[in-house]
N, C-alpha and C. Protein backbone atom coordinates (compact mmCIF):
# COMPACT_ATOMS: atom_id res chain seq x y z
N MET A 1 104.48 199.18 60.53
CA MET A 1 103.58 198.67 59.68
C MET A 1 104.52 198.35 58.29
N SER A 2 104.01 197.24 57.69
CA SER A 2 104.51 196.82 56.36
C SER A 2 103.54 197.01 55.29
N LEU A 3 103.84 197.94 54.45
CA LEU A 3 103.09 198.23 53.28
C LEU A 3 102.90 196.95 52.28
N ALA A 4 103.99 196.20 52.31
CA ALA A 4 104.03 195.03 51.50
C ALA A 4 102.90 193.96 51.97
N ALA A 5 103.03 193.93 53.33
CA ALA A 5 102.13 192.92 54.01
C ALA A 5 100.73 193.39 53.65
N LEU A 6 100.48 194.65 53.74
CA LEU A 6 99.20 195.15 53.59
C LEU A 6 98.51 194.91 52.08
N LEU A 7 99.53 195.11 51.24
CA LEU A 7 99.18 194.80 49.74
C LEU A 7 98.87 193.18 49.54
N VAL A 8 99.70 192.25 50.28
CA VAL A 8 99.35 190.93 50.21
C VAL A 8 98.08 190.49 50.65
N LEU A 9 97.86 191.19 51.80
CA LEU A 9 96.35 190.75 52.37
C LEU A 9 95.42 191.37 51.69
N ALA A 10 95.46 192.45 51.03
CA ALA A 10 94.34 193.12 50.47
C ALA A 10 94.21 192.47 48.98
N ASP A 11 95.18 191.79 48.61
CA ASP A 11 95.14 191.38 47.11
C ASP A 11 94.10 190.37 46.88
N GLY A 12 93.29 190.57 45.71
CA GLY A 12 92.22 189.57 45.49
C GLY A 12 92.71 188.25 45.24
N ARG A 13 94.06 188.06 44.87
CA ARG A 13 94.59 186.63 44.59
C ARG A 13 95.10 186.03 45.96
N PHE A 14 95.05 186.75 46.98
CA PHE A 14 95.30 186.10 48.36
C PHE A 14 94.34 184.97 48.50
N PRO A 15 94.55 183.78 48.70
CA PRO A 15 93.68 182.60 48.65
C PRO A 15 92.80 182.64 50.01
N ALA A 16 91.92 183.58 50.14
CA ALA A 16 91.13 183.67 51.41
C ALA A 16 89.69 183.22 51.03
N GLY A 17 89.38 182.98 49.67
CA GLY A 17 88.12 182.42 49.51
C GLY A 17 87.04 183.44 48.96
N GLY A 18 87.31 184.66 49.00
CA GLY A 18 86.46 185.80 48.69
C GLY A 18 85.94 185.64 47.43
N HIS A 19 86.73 185.12 46.44
CA HIS A 19 86.23 185.15 45.12
C HIS A 19 84.89 184.27 44.64
N ALA A 20 84.51 183.33 45.83
CA ALA A 20 83.36 182.65 45.61
C ALA A 20 82.22 183.39 46.16
N HIS A 21 82.30 184.62 46.64
CA HIS A 21 81.20 185.20 47.28
C HIS A 21 81.06 186.52 46.59
N SER A 22 79.67 186.95 46.42
CA SER A 22 79.37 188.25 45.82
C SER A 22 79.06 189.34 46.78
N GLY A 23 78.97 189.08 47.95
CA GLY A 23 78.67 190.13 48.89
C GLY A 23 77.19 190.68 48.72
N GLY A 24 76.37 189.91 48.30
CA GLY A 24 74.84 190.21 48.19
C GLY A 24 74.65 190.68 46.71
N ALA A 25 75.69 190.71 45.76
CA ALA A 25 75.45 191.38 44.39
C ALA A 25 74.65 190.44 43.55
N GLU A 26 74.79 189.21 43.80
CA GLU A 26 74.00 188.22 42.80
C GLU A 26 72.68 188.37 42.99
N ALA A 27 72.20 188.37 44.43
CA ALA A 27 70.68 188.62 44.64
C ALA A 27 70.26 189.94 44.15
N ALA A 28 71.01 191.04 44.30
CA ALA A 28 70.74 192.37 44.02
C ALA A 28 70.60 192.51 42.33
N CYS A 29 71.54 191.73 41.58
CA CYS A 29 71.51 191.65 40.15
C CYS A 29 70.26 190.97 39.53
N LYS A 30 69.92 189.94 40.27
CA LYS A 30 68.82 189.17 39.91
C LYS A 30 67.41 189.92 40.14
N ALA A 31 67.46 190.80 41.26
CA ALA A 31 66.29 191.55 41.66
C ALA A 31 66.25 192.88 40.85
N GLY A 32 67.22 193.08 40.01
CA GLY A 32 67.18 194.44 39.18
C GLY A 32 67.80 195.58 39.86
N ARG A 33 68.22 195.47 41.28
CA ARG A 33 68.71 196.67 41.94
C ARG A 33 70.12 197.07 41.48
N ILE A 34 70.76 196.13 40.83
CA ILE A 34 72.00 196.47 40.22
C ILE A 34 71.98 195.99 38.75
N HIS A 35 72.07 197.01 37.77
CA HIS A 35 71.98 196.93 36.33
C HIS A 35 72.97 197.56 35.56
N ASP A 36 73.60 198.46 36.26
CA ASP A 36 74.76 199.28 35.56
C ASP A 36 75.71 199.76 36.70
N ALA A 37 76.63 200.61 36.04
CA ALA A 37 77.72 201.16 36.95
C ALA A 37 77.14 202.21 38.01
N GLY A 38 76.14 202.91 37.66
CA GLY A 38 75.52 203.69 38.60
C GLY A 38 74.89 203.03 39.68
N THR A 39 73.84 201.95 39.31
CA THR A 39 73.30 201.21 40.42
C THR A 39 74.33 200.44 41.34
N LEU A 40 75.33 199.92 40.62
CA LEU A 40 76.59 199.30 41.39
C LEU A 40 76.96 200.12 42.31
N GLU A 41 77.43 201.47 42.08
CA GLU A 41 77.90 202.39 42.97
C GLU A 41 76.90 202.60 44.20
N ASP A 42 75.65 202.73 43.87
CA ASP A 42 74.64 202.88 45.07
C ASP A 42 74.69 201.67 45.89
N PHE A 43 74.68 200.49 45.28
CA PHE A 43 74.76 199.33 46.20
C PHE A 43 76.17 199.34 47.11
N CYS A 44 77.08 199.50 46.40
CA CYS A 44 78.42 199.41 46.98
C CYS A 44 78.60 200.61 48.23
N ARG A 45 78.09 201.78 47.92
CA ARG A 45 77.99 202.69 49.01
C ARG A 45 77.04 202.34 50.11
N GLY A 46 76.02 201.73 49.76
CA GLY A 46 75.13 201.37 50.90
C GLY A 46 75.74 200.28 51.74
N ARG A 47 76.16 199.33 51.05
CA ARG A 47 77.14 198.21 51.73
C ARG A 47 78.29 198.66 52.61
N LEU A 48 79.07 199.58 52.05
CA LEU A 48 80.17 200.19 52.74
C LEU A 48 79.80 200.87 54.12
N HIS A 49 78.76 201.72 53.93
CA HIS A 49 78.39 202.35 55.32
C HIS A 49 77.57 201.59 56.28
N THR A 50 77.21 200.31 55.95
CA THR A 50 76.53 199.48 56.97
C THR A 50 77.39 198.19 57.24
N ALA A 51 77.28 197.24 56.33
CA ALA A 51 78.01 196.04 56.71
C ALA A 51 79.51 196.25 56.69
N GLY A 52 79.84 197.19 55.68
CA GLY A 52 81.33 197.41 55.67
C GLY A 52 81.94 198.09 56.93
N LEU A 53 81.18 198.98 57.38
CA LEU A 53 81.71 199.78 58.63
C LEU A 53 81.73 198.78 59.72
N THR A 54 80.60 197.94 59.84
CA THR A 54 80.68 196.99 61.05
C THR A 54 81.91 196.05 61.02
N ALA A 55 82.00 195.45 59.72
CA ALA A 55 83.19 194.50 59.66
C ALA A 55 84.50 195.06 59.72
N ALA A 56 84.67 196.50 59.30
CA ALA A 56 85.90 197.18 59.62
C ALA A 56 86.14 197.33 61.08
N ALA A 57 85.23 197.67 61.54
CA ALA A 57 85.38 197.85 63.31
C ALA A 57 85.76 196.52 63.94
N LEU A 58 85.07 195.59 63.65
CA LEU A 58 85.51 194.18 64.11
C LEU A 58 86.90 194.02 63.83
N ALA A 59 87.22 194.12 62.56
CA ALA A 59 88.67 193.61 62.33
C ALA A 59 89.67 194.52 62.99
N ALA A 60 89.28 195.94 63.03
CA ALA A 60 90.28 196.81 63.68
C ALA A 60 90.51 196.66 65.27
N ALA A 61 89.10 196.08 65.86
CA ALA A 61 89.25 195.65 67.08
C ALA A 61 89.94 194.43 67.50
N ALA A 62 89.97 193.56 66.64
CA ALA A 62 90.82 192.47 66.62
C ALA A 62 92.29 192.57 66.49
N ALA A 63 92.57 193.46 65.49
CA ALA A 63 93.98 193.93 65.40
C ALA A 63 94.49 194.56 66.59
N ALA A 64 93.55 195.29 67.24
CA ALA A 64 94.04 196.33 68.47
C ALA A 64 94.25 195.39 69.61
N GLY A 65 93.80 194.01 69.55
CA GLY A 65 94.13 193.10 70.74
C GLY A 65 92.97 192.80 71.59
N LEU A 66 91.62 193.21 71.24
CA LEU A 66 90.43 192.73 71.91
C LEU A 66 90.26 191.13 71.79
N ASP A 67 89.62 190.60 72.81
CA ASP A 67 89.57 189.27 72.88
C ASP A 67 88.67 188.79 71.74
N PRO A 68 89.22 187.81 71.01
CA PRO A 68 88.54 187.39 69.61
C PRO A 68 87.33 186.59 70.04
N ALA A 69 87.06 186.09 71.07
CA ALA A 69 85.84 185.28 71.69
C ALA A 69 84.82 186.43 71.71
N VAL A 70 85.17 187.40 72.32
CA VAL A 70 83.99 188.53 72.53
C VAL A 70 83.76 189.09 71.22
N LEU A 71 84.79 189.25 70.40
CA LEU A 71 84.41 189.88 69.11
C LEU A 71 83.75 188.99 68.20
N ASP A 72 83.95 187.68 68.16
CA ASP A 72 83.24 186.68 67.48
C ASP A 72 81.59 186.64 68.04
N ALA A 73 81.51 186.85 69.26
CA ALA A 73 80.06 187.04 69.85
C ALA A 73 79.47 188.25 69.35
N ALA A 74 80.11 189.17 69.29
CA ALA A 74 79.64 190.54 68.79
C ALA A 74 79.27 190.55 67.25
N ALA A 75 80.03 189.80 66.48
CA ALA A 75 79.88 189.76 65.15
C ALA A 75 78.55 188.83 64.83
N ASP A 76 78.43 187.87 65.75
CA ASP A 76 77.25 186.93 65.50
C ASP A 76 75.84 187.91 65.82
N ALA A 77 75.97 188.69 66.80
CA ALA A 77 74.97 189.50 67.45
C ALA A 77 74.49 190.59 66.24
N ARG A 78 75.53 190.90 65.51
CA ARG A 78 75.32 192.01 64.48
C ARG A 78 75.05 191.33 63.02
N THR A 79 74.76 190.07 63.00
CA THR A 79 74.55 189.31 61.74
C THR A 79 73.29 188.40 62.07
N PRO A 80 72.03 189.20 61.69
CA PRO A 80 70.86 188.55 62.08
C PRO A 80 70.68 187.23 60.93
N SER A 81 71.00 187.31 59.75
CA SER A 81 70.87 186.24 58.86
C SER A 81 71.68 184.99 59.13
N PRO A 82 71.02 183.88 59.20
CA PRO A 82 71.81 182.76 59.40
C PRO A 82 72.58 182.38 58.18
N ALA A 83 72.23 182.72 57.13
CA ALA A 83 73.05 182.51 55.81
C ALA A 83 74.24 183.40 55.83
N LEU A 84 74.06 184.44 56.14
CA LEU A 84 75.40 185.37 56.36
C LEU A 84 76.27 184.95 57.56
N ARG A 85 75.65 184.51 58.49
CA ARG A 85 76.65 184.08 59.60
C ARG A 85 77.40 182.75 59.00
N THR A 86 76.79 181.86 58.45
CA THR A 86 77.43 180.63 57.85
C THR A 86 78.56 181.27 56.83
N ALA A 87 78.03 182.07 55.84
CA ALA A 87 79.12 182.72 55.05
C ALA A 87 80.40 183.11 55.70
N ALA A 88 80.08 183.96 56.58
CA ALA A 88 81.13 184.59 57.34
C ALA A 88 82.19 183.71 58.19
N ARG A 89 81.61 182.59 58.64
CA ARG A 89 82.53 181.50 59.23
C ARG A 89 83.18 180.78 58.22
N ARG A 90 82.58 180.56 57.05
CA ARG A 90 83.27 179.80 56.00
C ARG A 90 84.48 180.60 55.44
N LEU A 91 84.20 181.76 55.22
CA LEU A 91 85.31 182.81 54.87
C LEU A 91 86.41 182.97 55.95
N GLY A 92 85.91 182.95 57.19
CA GLY A 92 86.83 182.99 58.31
C GLY A 92 87.76 181.84 58.23
N ARG A 93 87.21 180.55 58.11
CA ARG A 93 87.86 179.41 58.13
C ARG A 93 88.99 179.34 57.08
N GLN A 94 88.49 179.77 55.72
CA GLN A 94 89.44 179.74 54.61
C GLN A 94 90.58 180.88 54.73
N LEU A 95 90.22 182.07 55.30
CA LEU A 95 91.22 183.15 55.54
C LEU A 95 92.24 182.51 56.58
N LEU A 96 91.77 181.88 57.65
CA LEU A 96 92.70 181.39 58.62
C LEU A 96 93.60 180.41 58.13
N ARG A 97 93.17 179.46 57.25
CA ARG A 97 94.16 178.57 56.61
C ARG A 97 95.23 179.32 55.84
N ALA A 98 94.94 180.37 55.17
CA ALA A 98 95.82 181.06 54.34
C ALA A 98 96.77 181.72 55.26
N ALA A 99 96.12 182.49 56.22
CA ALA A 99 97.12 183.39 57.15
C ALA A 99 97.96 182.28 58.16
N ARG A 100 97.60 181.22 58.55
CA ARG A 100 98.42 180.42 59.31
C ARG A 100 99.68 179.85 58.31
N ALA A 101 99.35 179.73 57.01
CA ALA A 101 100.64 179.30 56.16
C ALA A 101 101.40 180.50 55.73
N THR A 102 100.88 181.79 55.83
CA THR A 102 101.74 182.79 55.37
C THR A 102 102.31 183.53 56.55
N TRP A 103 101.62 183.74 57.68
CA TRP A 103 102.20 184.64 58.69
C TRP A 103 102.05 183.80 60.03
N PRO A 104 102.71 182.55 60.27
CA PRO A 104 102.51 181.89 61.58
C PRO A 104 102.69 182.64 62.74
N ASP A 105 101.58 182.22 63.54
CA ASP A 105 101.55 183.21 64.71
C ASP A 105 100.78 182.26 65.96
N PRO A 106 101.07 182.36 67.09
CA PRO A 106 100.49 181.41 68.03
C PRO A 106 98.96 181.84 68.32
N ARG A 107 98.72 183.19 68.05
CA ARG A 107 97.28 183.71 68.32
C ARG A 107 96.27 183.00 67.10
N LEU A 108 97.01 182.97 65.94
CA LEU A 108 96.13 182.17 64.90
C LEU A 108 95.91 180.80 65.17
N GLU A 109 96.88 180.11 65.55
CA GLU A 109 96.79 178.66 66.25
C GLU A 109 95.65 178.49 67.11
N GLN A 110 95.82 179.37 68.09
CA GLN A 110 94.66 179.50 69.19
C GLN A 110 93.27 179.68 68.70
N LEU A 111 93.17 180.51 67.74
CA LEU A 111 91.85 180.78 67.19
C LEU A 111 91.45 179.57 66.27
N ALA A 112 92.14 178.96 65.51
CA ALA A 112 91.89 177.83 64.83
C ALA A 112 91.45 176.60 65.72
N ALA A 113 92.05 176.56 66.81
CA ALA A 113 91.60 175.55 67.85
C ALA A 113 90.34 175.83 68.58
N ALA A 114 90.08 177.07 68.73
CA ALA A 114 88.90 177.44 69.43
C ALA A 114 87.78 177.37 68.47
N TYR A 115 87.96 177.66 67.10
CA TYR A 115 86.81 177.65 66.18
C TYR A 115 87.05 176.83 65.10
N PRO A 116 87.00 175.33 65.34
CA PRO A 116 87.32 174.45 64.18
C PRO A 116 86.44 174.66 62.96
N ARG A 117 85.35 175.34 63.17
CA ARG A 117 84.39 175.49 62.02
C ARG A 117 84.35 176.90 61.53
N GLY A 118 85.30 177.73 62.03
CA GLY A 118 85.52 179.10 61.57
C GLY A 118 85.01 180.06 62.45
N ALA A 119 85.84 181.12 62.77
CA ALA A 119 85.33 182.39 63.36
C ALA A 119 84.86 183.19 62.38
N HIS A 120 84.22 184.42 62.76
CA HIS A 120 83.75 185.38 61.80
C HIS A 120 84.93 185.86 60.97
N GLN A 121 84.75 186.10 59.90
CA GLN A 121 85.78 186.49 58.99
C GLN A 121 86.55 187.87 59.35
N PRO A 122 85.73 189.00 59.81
CA PRO A 122 86.48 190.14 60.04
C PRO A 122 87.30 189.94 61.32
N VAL A 123 86.95 189.11 62.33
CA VAL A 123 87.79 188.78 63.44
C VAL A 123 88.93 188.08 63.07
N VAL A 124 88.89 186.99 62.17
CA VAL A 124 90.27 186.41 61.56
C VAL A 124 90.90 187.48 60.85
N LEU A 125 90.46 188.36 60.14
CA LEU A 125 91.16 189.48 59.27
C LEU A 125 91.85 190.28 60.38
N GLY A 126 91.41 190.60 61.51
CA GLY A 126 92.05 191.57 62.26
C GLY A 126 93.22 190.70 62.91
N LEU A 127 92.90 189.49 63.42
CA LEU A 127 94.06 188.74 64.00
C LEU A 127 95.30 188.44 62.88
N THR A 128 94.77 188.29 61.62
CA THR A 128 95.81 188.14 60.58
C THR A 128 96.63 189.39 60.44
N ALA A 129 95.83 190.50 60.36
CA ALA A 129 96.66 191.77 60.26
C ALA A 129 97.54 192.00 61.25
N ARG A 130 97.35 191.56 62.57
CA ARG A 130 98.14 191.86 63.61
C ARG A 130 99.32 190.90 63.46
N ALA A 131 99.00 189.72 63.06
CA ALA A 131 100.29 188.66 62.79
C ALA A 131 101.11 189.09 61.86
N ALA A 132 100.51 189.88 60.89
CA ALA A 132 101.34 190.47 59.71
C ALA A 132 102.22 191.78 59.94
N GLY A 133 102.02 192.19 61.19
CA GLY A 133 102.70 193.39 61.73
C GLY A 133 101.77 194.56 61.21
N LEU A 134 100.51 194.42 60.96
CA LEU A 134 99.68 195.59 60.61
C LEU A 134 99.00 196.08 61.81
N GLY A 135 98.41 197.27 61.71
CA GLY A 135 97.71 197.79 62.80
C GLY A 135 96.17 198.00 62.67
N PRO A 136 95.28 198.35 63.48
CA PRO A 136 93.96 198.49 63.47
C PRO A 136 93.49 199.21 62.19
N LEU A 137 94.01 200.40 61.83
CA LEU A 137 93.53 201.10 60.63
C LEU A 137 93.82 200.31 59.41
N ASP A 138 94.92 199.63 59.24
CA ASP A 138 95.16 198.71 58.09
C ASP A 138 94.29 197.79 58.08
N ALA A 139 93.81 197.15 59.12
CA ALA A 139 92.81 196.04 59.14
C ALA A 139 91.50 196.57 58.71
N ALA A 140 91.08 197.75 59.08
CA ALA A 140 89.87 198.42 58.77
C ALA A 140 89.90 198.76 57.26
N HIS A 141 91.06 199.21 56.68
CA HIS A 141 91.09 199.57 55.42
C HIS A 141 90.73 198.25 54.51
N VAL A 142 91.25 197.14 54.74
CA VAL A 142 91.21 195.95 54.11
C VAL A 142 89.67 195.45 54.07
N ALA A 143 89.25 195.52 55.29
CA ALA A 143 87.74 195.07 55.62
C ALA A 143 86.88 195.90 54.76
N ALA A 144 87.04 197.25 54.83
CA ALA A 144 86.22 198.16 54.27
C ALA A 144 86.34 197.93 52.57
N TYR A 145 87.54 197.74 51.99
CA TYR A 145 87.82 197.54 50.60
C TYR A 145 87.05 196.22 50.24
N GLU A 146 87.21 195.09 51.03
CA GLU A 146 86.47 193.93 50.72
C GLU A 146 84.97 194.21 50.61
N SER A 147 84.39 195.07 51.34
CA SER A 147 82.88 195.05 51.55
C SER A 147 82.39 195.67 50.08
N VAL A 148 83.13 196.35 49.29
CA VAL A 148 82.70 196.80 48.17
C VAL A 148 83.57 196.21 46.84
N GLY A 149 84.80 195.85 47.03
CA GLY A 149 85.51 195.11 45.94
C GLY A 149 85.03 193.79 45.50
N GLY A 150 84.59 192.94 46.57
CA GLY A 150 83.84 191.95 46.11
C GLY A 150 82.58 191.94 45.20
N PRO A 151 81.73 192.75 45.66
CA PRO A 151 80.44 193.06 44.77
C PRO A 151 80.87 193.53 43.43
N ALA A 152 81.86 194.55 43.35
CA ALA A 152 82.09 195.08 42.15
C ALA A 152 82.81 194.18 41.18
N THR A 153 83.66 193.16 41.67
CA THR A 153 84.23 192.18 40.86
C THR A 153 82.99 191.15 40.42
N ALA A 154 82.19 190.79 41.42
CA ALA A 154 81.13 189.85 40.94
C ALA A 154 80.25 190.43 39.98
N THR A 155 79.99 191.65 40.02
CA THR A 155 78.92 192.29 38.93
C THR A 155 79.64 192.19 37.57
N VAL A 156 81.05 192.19 37.39
CA VAL A 156 81.43 192.17 36.16
C VAL A 156 81.13 190.71 35.65
N ARG A 157 81.35 189.83 36.48
CA ARG A 157 80.88 188.39 36.07
C ARG A 157 79.44 188.24 35.86
N LEU A 158 78.60 188.69 36.62
CA LEU A 158 77.17 188.55 36.48
C LEU A 158 76.36 189.34 35.41
N LEU A 159 76.92 190.38 35.33
CA LEU A 159 76.32 191.28 34.29
C LEU A 159 77.09 191.61 33.07
N GLY A 160 78.43 191.07 32.93
CA GLY A 160 79.38 191.46 32.00
C GLY A 160 79.52 192.98 31.87
N LEU A 161 79.58 193.53 33.22
CA LEU A 161 79.73 194.93 33.20
C LEU A 161 81.23 195.27 32.79
N ASP A 162 81.40 196.25 32.09
CA ASP A 162 82.76 196.75 31.72
C ASP A 162 83.82 196.87 32.98
N PRO A 163 84.80 196.18 33.09
CA PRO A 163 85.65 196.11 34.33
C PRO A 163 86.27 197.69 34.39
N PHE A 164 86.41 198.29 33.35
CA PHE A 164 86.90 199.71 33.65
C PHE A 164 85.75 200.53 34.37
N GLU A 165 84.55 200.28 34.20
CA GLU A 165 83.47 200.87 34.83
C GLU A 165 83.37 200.48 36.32
N ALA A 166 83.45 199.35 36.47
CA ALA A 166 83.52 198.67 37.94
C ALA A 166 84.88 199.26 38.65
N SER A 167 85.80 199.41 38.07
CA SER A 167 87.05 200.12 38.72
C SER A 167 86.88 201.56 39.05
N GLY A 168 86.09 202.16 38.15
CA GLY A 168 85.82 203.54 38.38
C GLY A 168 84.91 203.73 39.52
N VAL A 169 83.94 202.82 39.82
CA VAL A 169 82.95 202.86 40.90
C VAL A 169 84.06 202.79 42.03
N LEU A 170 84.95 201.94 42.25
CA LEU A 170 85.68 201.62 43.49
C LEU A 170 86.58 202.99 43.54
N ALA A 171 87.22 203.57 42.51
CA ALA A 171 87.96 204.76 42.69
C ALA A 171 87.13 205.96 43.13
N ARG A 172 85.89 206.10 42.77
CA ARG A 172 84.95 207.07 43.31
C ARG A 172 84.67 207.00 44.67
N LEU A 173 84.55 205.65 45.11
CA LEU A 173 84.20 205.51 46.60
C LEU A 173 85.53 205.59 47.44
N ALA A 174 86.64 205.80 47.00
CA ALA A 174 87.97 205.69 47.78
C ALA A 174 87.75 206.71 49.00
N PRO A 175 87.45 207.95 48.73
CA PRO A 175 87.38 208.91 49.85
C PRO A 175 86.50 208.27 50.97
N GLU A 176 85.32 207.57 50.58
CA GLU A 176 84.46 207.19 51.66
C GLU A 176 85.17 205.89 52.25
N LEU A 177 85.84 205.21 51.55
CA LEU A 177 86.49 203.99 52.01
C LEU A 177 87.52 204.61 53.26
N ASP A 178 88.18 205.57 52.94
CA ASP A 178 89.12 206.18 53.81
C ASP A 178 88.31 206.58 55.13
N ASP A 179 87.31 207.20 55.07
CA ASP A 179 86.45 207.69 56.09
C ASP A 179 85.87 206.69 56.84
N VAL A 180 85.47 205.51 56.41
CA VAL A 180 84.83 204.48 57.00
C VAL A 180 85.88 203.71 57.76
N ALA A 181 87.02 203.55 57.14
CA ALA A 181 88.22 203.02 57.94
C ALA A 181 88.71 203.72 59.10
N ALA A 182 88.67 205.02 58.92
CA ALA A 182 89.00 205.92 60.16
C ALA A 182 88.09 205.72 61.22
N ARG A 183 86.68 205.84 60.92
CA ARG A 183 85.68 205.76 61.85
C ARG A 183 85.90 204.27 62.59
N ALA A 184 86.03 203.18 61.81
CA ALA A 184 86.12 201.88 62.48
C ALA A 184 87.30 201.88 63.44
N ALA A 185 88.55 202.38 62.98
CA ALA A 185 89.67 202.28 63.91
C ALA A 185 89.42 203.09 65.16
N GLU A 186 88.70 204.24 64.93
CA GLU A 186 88.47 205.02 66.30
C GLU A 186 87.48 204.29 67.17
N ALA A 187 86.54 203.74 66.64
CA ALA A 187 85.66 202.77 67.40
C ALA A 187 86.38 201.66 67.98
N ALA A 188 87.17 200.88 67.34
CA ALA A 188 88.09 199.88 67.89
C ALA A 188 88.80 200.49 69.14
N HIS A 189 89.29 201.76 68.92
CA HIS A 189 90.13 202.30 70.19
C HIS A 189 89.23 202.51 71.35
N GLN A 190 87.93 203.00 70.97
CA GLN A 190 87.03 203.16 72.13
C GLN A 190 86.64 201.83 72.66
N ALA A 191 86.54 200.94 71.96
CA ALA A 191 86.32 199.51 72.44
C ALA A 191 87.27 198.99 73.38
N LEU A 192 88.56 199.48 73.35
CA LEU A 192 89.53 198.93 74.24
C LEU A 192 89.21 199.49 75.67
N LEU A 193 88.46 200.68 75.68
CA LEU A 193 88.18 201.24 77.06
C LEU A 193 86.76 200.68 77.34
N ASP A 194 85.92 200.56 76.57
CA ASP A 194 84.45 200.38 76.82
C ASP A 194 83.86 199.07 76.51
N GLY A 195 84.79 198.21 75.85
CA GLY A 195 84.22 196.89 75.42
C GLY A 195 83.57 196.88 74.14
N ALA A 196 83.04 195.84 73.60
CA ALA A 196 82.58 195.38 72.42
C ALA A 196 81.34 196.44 72.01
N GLU A 197 80.65 196.78 73.02
CA GLU A 197 79.45 197.52 72.81
C GLU A 197 79.58 198.76 72.24
N ALA A 198 80.89 199.24 72.29
CA ALA A 198 81.38 200.50 71.58
C ALA A 198 81.46 200.37 70.04
N LEU A 199 81.51 199.20 69.65
CA LEU A 199 81.74 199.09 68.18
C LEU A 199 80.30 199.29 67.40
N PRO A 200 80.49 199.73 66.16
CA PRO A 200 79.25 200.04 65.49
C PRO A 200 78.41 198.66 65.23
N ALA A 201 77.07 198.78 65.10
CA ALA A 201 76.18 197.86 64.72
C ALA A 201 75.28 198.13 63.59
N ALA A 202 75.87 198.86 62.62
CA ALA A 202 75.10 199.22 61.39
C ALA A 202 74.85 198.10 60.63
N SER A 203 73.51 198.12 60.05
CA SER A 203 72.89 196.90 59.35
C SER A 203 72.22 197.28 58.11
N SER A 204 71.89 196.42 57.24
CA SER A 204 71.29 196.52 56.10
C SER A 204 70.06 195.59 55.84
N PRO A 205 69.02 195.63 56.50
CA PRO A 205 67.92 194.55 56.28
C PRO A 205 67.64 193.94 55.04
N LEU A 206 67.65 194.74 53.99
CA LEU A 206 67.47 194.22 52.66
C LEU A 206 68.66 193.21 52.33
N LEU A 207 69.98 193.67 52.77
CA LEU A 207 71.10 192.49 52.47
C LEU A 207 70.73 191.32 53.27
N GLU A 208 70.28 191.46 54.58
CA GLU A 208 70.10 190.09 55.25
C GLU A 208 68.83 189.42 54.49
N ILE A 209 67.91 189.97 54.21
CA ILE A 209 66.72 189.34 53.59
C ILE A 209 67.13 188.66 52.27
N ALA A 210 67.82 189.41 51.56
CA ALA A 210 68.32 188.89 50.28
C ALA A 210 69.32 187.64 50.41
N ALA A 211 70.01 187.68 51.33
CA ALA A 211 70.81 186.59 51.53
C ALA A 211 70.21 185.20 51.98
N GLU A 212 69.09 185.49 52.67
CA GLU A 212 68.23 184.37 52.93
C GLU A 212 67.55 183.63 51.68
N VAL A 213 67.10 184.68 50.87
CA VAL A 213 66.42 184.19 49.62
C VAL A 213 67.56 183.53 48.70
N HIS A 214 68.76 184.06 48.58
CA HIS A 214 69.69 183.64 47.83
C HIS A 214 70.23 182.19 48.29
N ALA A 215 70.13 181.98 49.54
CA ALA A 215 70.57 180.64 50.16
C ALA A 215 69.86 179.51 49.54
N ASP A 216 68.54 179.86 49.24
CA ASP A 216 67.55 178.94 48.88
C ASP A 216 67.68 178.48 47.28
N TRP A 217 68.34 179.30 46.54
CA TRP A 217 68.26 179.16 45.14
C TRP A 217 68.98 177.88 44.94
N PRO A 218 68.34 177.08 43.99
CA PRO A 218 68.92 175.56 43.58
C PRO A 218 70.24 175.87 42.83
N VAL A 219 70.11 176.87 41.90
CA VAL A 219 71.51 177.25 40.96
C VAL A 219 72.00 178.62 41.33
N ARG A 220 73.17 178.85 41.57
CA ARG A 220 73.80 180.23 41.69
C ARG A 220 75.19 180.14 41.46
N LEU A 221 75.63 181.30 41.06
CA LEU A 221 77.24 181.30 40.67
C LEU A 221 77.90 181.64 41.83
N PHE A 222 77.54 182.39 42.91
CA PHE A 222 78.33 182.54 44.05
C PHE A 222 77.58 181.97 45.16
N ALA A 223 78.52 181.60 46.31
CA ALA A 223 78.01 181.01 47.69
C ALA A 223 77.13 181.90 48.41
N SER A 224 77.44 183.35 48.11
CA SER A 224 76.53 184.24 49.05
C SER A 224 76.51 185.53 48.28
């Protein structure tokens, strides 16, 4: 494992396109479900244990060597919202562009050829982690962190929330991030034996519904 590679991949300045997405925070802010640090923490915790766990397991499975086509289909099945499926593929395409330039690898080239419009972002993330010399647990940690880091950063922009408070939310969630990443990596190991059906399929219907509403807004700050 390369700790430096892990830091590069998890860095918000890595040009993977995440800065343009709020992870559902924009819709939640408008609906009043996020209005301060406490409600941001509640939102992030819920997202971490649902969408975050699912994404982390998919990323870990890809890093472990499962067939990316199988995992992409599994990601589709776990994403009922068309708007979120579109966002996940756009993010996957952007991440793949950055990954191919940063860690050239034949498997990334094969993925780009197979999915010209983009594979699901967690699948791309897992293959990117593998190309960077990282393992399933590393990929799971990055995916889990992204699931809460994106909404926390977006809320600072959306509400003018004190960035110190947003950072405090992430720090308080750190033990749960570790737990989710470990569960995701364990599920990926099981999927090597039993197939993608062994991966979590945790969902948050409110996130899915809000994503569809958000996609219809004529004016919005974030793409999703």
